[in-house]
Amino acid sequence: MLNNNLYRIISFSNEGGKLEVGFELNTHHPIFEGHFPGQPVLPGVCMIQIFKELIEKASNQKLFLTDAGSCKFLSMVDPRQSPKLIYTIDYNLNEGNCKANGVLKNETAVFLKLNNCNFRVQP
């Protein structure tokens, strides 16, 4: 789990399957030393893991990502320039499955758009 390690939640709103979560990156996390030395970038896989963790927190379910219909990385997240981020997520739980869409952004830029992501609820 990356929460309280790579990032920490600073605001959390969950209303009827609509999330808006503000979070702050740990700019001193060791992942940024290797990805990339001298030019830190939040890895795409971490962006997707954070997306999953936020839906798990909102739904109180353990999820497994089975497929992502569309995953568009629009800009790199430099933690030195953009330590505070916002995820807006729409999700729907139905019969052991979850479908979700999300946007990772800050006040001025959009970094990632995820559409038609399917999760299986884990026992």
Foldseek 3Di string as FASTA:
>chain_A
DCEVPQKHWDDWDDDPQKIKTKMFGPLPHCVQCVCPNPFGWDDPVVVVVVVQVNVCVNVVFRKDWPDFPDKDFDDTDGNVVPRMKMKIKGWDDDDQKMFMWIWIGDPPDTGMTTHGIMIGTDD
